[in-house]
C-alpha atoms as a PDB file:
ATOM      1  CA  UNK A   1      -8.985   6.495 -23.318  1.00  0.00           C
ATOM      2  CA  UNK A   2     -10.443   9.205 -21.010  1.00  0.00           C
ATOM      3  CA  UNK A   3     -13.854   7.640 -21.615  1.00  0.00           C
ATOM      4  CA  UNK A   4     -12.602   4.556 -19.784  1.00  0.00           C
ATOM      5  CA  UNK A   5     -10.464   6.217 -17.103  1.00  0.00           C
ATOM      6  CA  UNK A   6     -13.101   8.639 -15.798  1.00  0.00           C
ATOM      7  CA  UNK A   7     -15.659   5.964 -14.752  1.00  0.00           C
ATOM      8  CA  UNK A   8     -12.918   3.777 -13.259  1.00  0.00           C
ATOM      9  CA  UNK A   9     -11.507   6.701 -11.287  1.00  0.00           C
ATOM     10  CA  UNK A  10     -14.978   7.682 -10.142  1.00  0.00           C
ATOM     11  CA  UNK A  11     -15.674   4.130  -8.951  1.00  0.00           C
ATOM     12  CA  UNK A  12     -12.378   3.998  -7.027  1.00  0.00           C
ATOM     13  CA  UNK A  13     -13.070   7.368  -5.388  1.00  0.00           C
ATOM     14  CA  UNK A  14     -16.587   6.350  -4.375  1.00  0.00           C
ATOM     15  CA  UNK A  15     -15.360   3.030  -2.971  1.00  0.00           C
ATOM     16  CA  UNK A  16     -12.632   4.809  -0.994  1.00  0.00           C
ATOM     17  CA  UNK A  17     -15.113   7.367   0.355  1.00  0.00           C
ATOM     18  CA  UNK A  18     -17.461   4.596   1.474  1.00  0.00           C
ATOM     19  CA  UNK A  19     -14.568   2.805   3.193  1.00  0.00           C
ATOM     20  CA  UNK A  20     -13.541   5.951   5.054  1.00  0.00           C
ATOM     21  CA  UNK A  21     -17.114   6.698   6.171  1.00  0.00           C
ATOM     22  CA  UNK A  22     -17.717   3.129   7.365  1.00  0.00           C
ATOM     23  CA  UNK A  23     -14.436   3.067   9.316  1.00  0.00           C
ATOM     24  CA  UNK A  24     -15.247   6.429  10.918  1.00  0.00           C
ATOM     25  CA  UNK A  25     -18.709   5.213  11.941  1.00  0.00           C
ATOM     26  CA  UNK A  26     -17.289   2.021  13.434  1.00  0.00           C
ATOM     27  CA  UNK A  27     -14.751   4.042  15.425  1.00  0.00           C
ATOM     28  CA  UNK A  28     -17.486   6.410  16.583  1.00  0.00           C
ATOM     29  CA  UNK A  29     -19.787   3.580  17.662  1.00  0.00           C
ATOM     30  CA  UNK A  30     -16.898   1.925  19.486  1.00  0.00           C
ATOM     31  CA  UNK A  31     -16.044   5.159  21.287  1.00  0.00           C
ATOM     32  CA  UNK A  32     -19.690   5.630  22.317  1.00  0.00           C
ATOM     33  CA  UNK A  33     -20.061   2.078  23.542  1.00  0.00           C
ATOM     34  CA  UNK A  34     -18.900   0.923  26.927  1.00  0.00           C
ATOM     35  CA  UNK A  35     -15.486   0.049  25.512  1.00  0.00           C
ATOM     36  CA  UNK A  36     -12.603   0.448  27.883  1.00  0.00           C
ATOM     37  CA  UNK A  37     -10.077   3.233  27.524  1.00  0.00           C
ATOM     38  CA  UNK A  38      -7.347   0.638  27.047  1.00  0.00           C
ATOM     39  CA  UNK A  39      -9.248  -0.895  24.105  1.00  0.00           C
ATOM     40  CA  UNK A  40      -9.505   2.493  22.391  1.00  0.00           C
ATOM     41  CA  UNK A  41      -5.801   3.169  22.945  1.00  0.00           C
ATOM     42  CA  UNK A  42      -4.946  -0.270  21.583  1.00  0.00           C
ATOM     43  CA  UNK A  43      -7.031   0.340  18.446  1.00  0.00           C
ATOM     44  CA  UNK A  44      -5.403   3.730  17.882  1.00  0.00           C
ATOM     45  CA  UNK A  45      -1.929   2.236  18.402  1.00  0.00           C
ATOM     46  CA  UNK A  46      -2.664  -0.620  15.975  1.00  0.00           C
ATOM     47  CA  UNK A  47      -3.980   1.787  13.358  1.00  0.00           C
ATOM     48  CA  UNK A  48      -0.858   3.922  13.689  1.00  0.00           C
ATOM     49  CA  UNK A  49       1.332   0.840  13.328  1.00  0.00           C
ATOM     50  CA  UNK A  50      -0.591  -0.291  10.208  1.00  0.00           C
ATOM     51  CA  UNK A  51      -0.122   3.155   8.697  1.00  0.00           C
ATOM     52  CA  UNK A  52       3.632   3.098   9.353  1.00  0.00           C
ATOM     53  CA  UNK A  53       3.935  -0.437   8.015  1.00  0.00           C
ATOM     54  CA  UNK A  54       2.050   0.590   4.873  1.00  0.00           C
ATOM     55  CA  UNK A  55       4.439   3.489   4.337  1.00  0.00           C
ATOM     56  CA  UNK A  56       7.398   1.158   4.866  1.00  0.00           C
ATOM     57  CA  UNK A  57       6.037  -1.376   2.389  1.00  0.00           C
ATOM     58  CA  UNK A  58       5.346   1.175  -0.341  1.00  0.00           C
ATOM     59  CA  UNK A  59       8.679   2.875   0.231  1.00  0.00           C
ATOM     60  CA  UNK A  60      10.614  -0.364  -0.210  1.00  0.00           C
ATOM     61  CA  UNK A  61       8.583  -1.458  -3.240  1.00  0.00           C
ATOM     62  CA  UNK A  62       8.873   1.923  -4.978  1.00  0.00           C
ATOM     63  CA  UNK A  63      12.630   2.148  -4.378  1.00  0.00           C
ATOM     64  CA  UNK A  64      13.134  -1.302  -5.888  1.00  0.00           C
ATOM     65  CA  UNK A  65      10.882  -0.397  -8.821  1.00  0.00           C
ATOM     66  CA  UNK A  66      12.964   2.741  -9.385  1.00  0.00           C
ATOM     67  CA  UNK A  67      16.117   0.600  -9.376  1.00  0.00           C
ATOM     68  CA  UNK A  68      14.495  -1.787 -11.877  1.00  0.00           C
ATOM     69  CA  UNK A  69      13.560   1.116 -14.172  1.00  0.00           C
ATOM     70  CA  UNK A  70      17.120   2.459 -13.888  1.00  0.00           C
ATOM     71  CA  UNK A  71      18.477  -0.954 -14.892  1.00  0.00           C
ATOM     72  CA  UNK A  72      16.102  -1.060 -17.871  1.00  0.00           C
ATOM     73  CA  UNK A  73      17.204   2.431 -18.916  1.00  0.00           C
ATOM     74  CA  UNK A  74      20.908   1.641 -18.454  1.00  0.00           C
ATOM     75  CA  UNK A  75      20.585  -1.569 -20.455  1.00  0.00           C
ATOM     76  CA  UNK A  76      18.967   0.380 -23.278  1.00  0.00           C
ATOM     77  CA  UNK A  77      15.880  -1.804 -23.424  1.00  0.00           C
ATOM     78  CA  UNK A  78      13.245   0.139 -25.339  1.00  0.00           C
ATOM     79  CA  UNK A  79      10.650  -2.545 -26.040  1.00  0.00           C
ATOM     80  CA  UNK A  80       8.215  -4.080 -23.608  1.00  0.00           C
ATOM     81  CA  UNK A  81       9.516  -7.631 -23.533  1.00  0.00           C
ATOM     82  CA  UNK A  82       9.165 -10.497 -21.109  1.00  0.00           C
ATOM     83  CA  UNK A  83      12.551  -9.557 -19.651  1.00  0.00           C
ATOM     84  CA  UNK A  84      11.491  -6.028 -18.768  1.00  0.00           C
ATOM     85  CA  UNK A  85       8.261  -7.254 -17.193  1.00  0.00           C
ATOM     86  CA  UNK A  86      10.180  -9.941 -15.298  1.00  0.00           C
ATOM     87  CA  UNK A  87      12.555  -7.321 -13.927  1.00  0.00           C
ATOM     88  CA  UNK A  88       9.698  -5.072 -12.807  1.00  0.00           C
ATOM     89  CA  UNK A  89       7.690  -7.909 -11.255  1.00  0.00           C
ATOM     90  CA  UNK A  90      10.825  -9.242  -9.585  1.00  0.00           C
ATOM     91  CA  UNK A  91      11.464  -5.817  -8.075  1.00  0.00           C
ATOM     92  CA  UNK A  92       7.939  -5.718  -6.643  1.00  0.00           C
ATOM     93  CA  UNK A  93       8.348  -9.243  -5.290  1.00  0.00           C
ATOM     94  CA  UNK A  94      11.702  -8.432  -3.704  1.00  0.00           C
ATOM     95  CA  UNK A  95      10.229  -5.302  -2.197  1.00  0.00           C
ATOM     96  CA  UNK A  96       7.425  -7.261  -0.573  1.00  0.00           C
ATOM     97  CA  UNK A  97       9.840  -9.918   0.695  1.00  0.00           C
ATOM     98  CA  UNK A  98      12.144  -7.241   2.118  1.00  0.00           C
ATOM     99  CA  UNK A  99       9.151  -5.629   3.816  1.00  0.00           C
ATOM    100  CA  UNK A 100       8.153  -8.970   5.318  1.00  0.00           C
ATOM    101  CA  UNK A 101      11.667  -9.587   6.644  1.00  0.00           C
ATOM    102  CA  UNK A 102      11.923  -6.109   8.155  1.00  0.00           C
ATOM    103  CA  UNK A 103       8.510  -6.297   9.834  1.00  0.00           C
ATOM    104  CA  UNK A 104       9.338  -9.709  11.315  1.00  0.00           C
ATOM    105  CA  UNK A 105      12.476  -8.213  12.869  1.00  0.00           C
ATOM    106  CA  UNK A 106      10.530  -5.193  14.172  1.00  0.00           C
ATOM    107  CA  UNK A 107       7.793  -7.283  15.790  1.00  0.00           C
END
């Protein structure tokens, strides 16, 4: 199993590092260009909002997943059946729908 996980983890880390470097270079080029101060503020504000929305989304999804796991534990289900997967996938779906509804009210 570690023989499979190490290359996958390495690939994910390299891809994330490339993404971070490219985004930093784009921001740097934009700051050096003749972009207006208002444009830079708008980009920073949008990035901050995306970060907060991402935290909100993951928070809602993880709380609903925790509730789904608690239901599975309380019901005494020990085997991986279609019902347990349905409950977990339903929790993720409800979390995303709740996130969507909350963001629509915020915007």
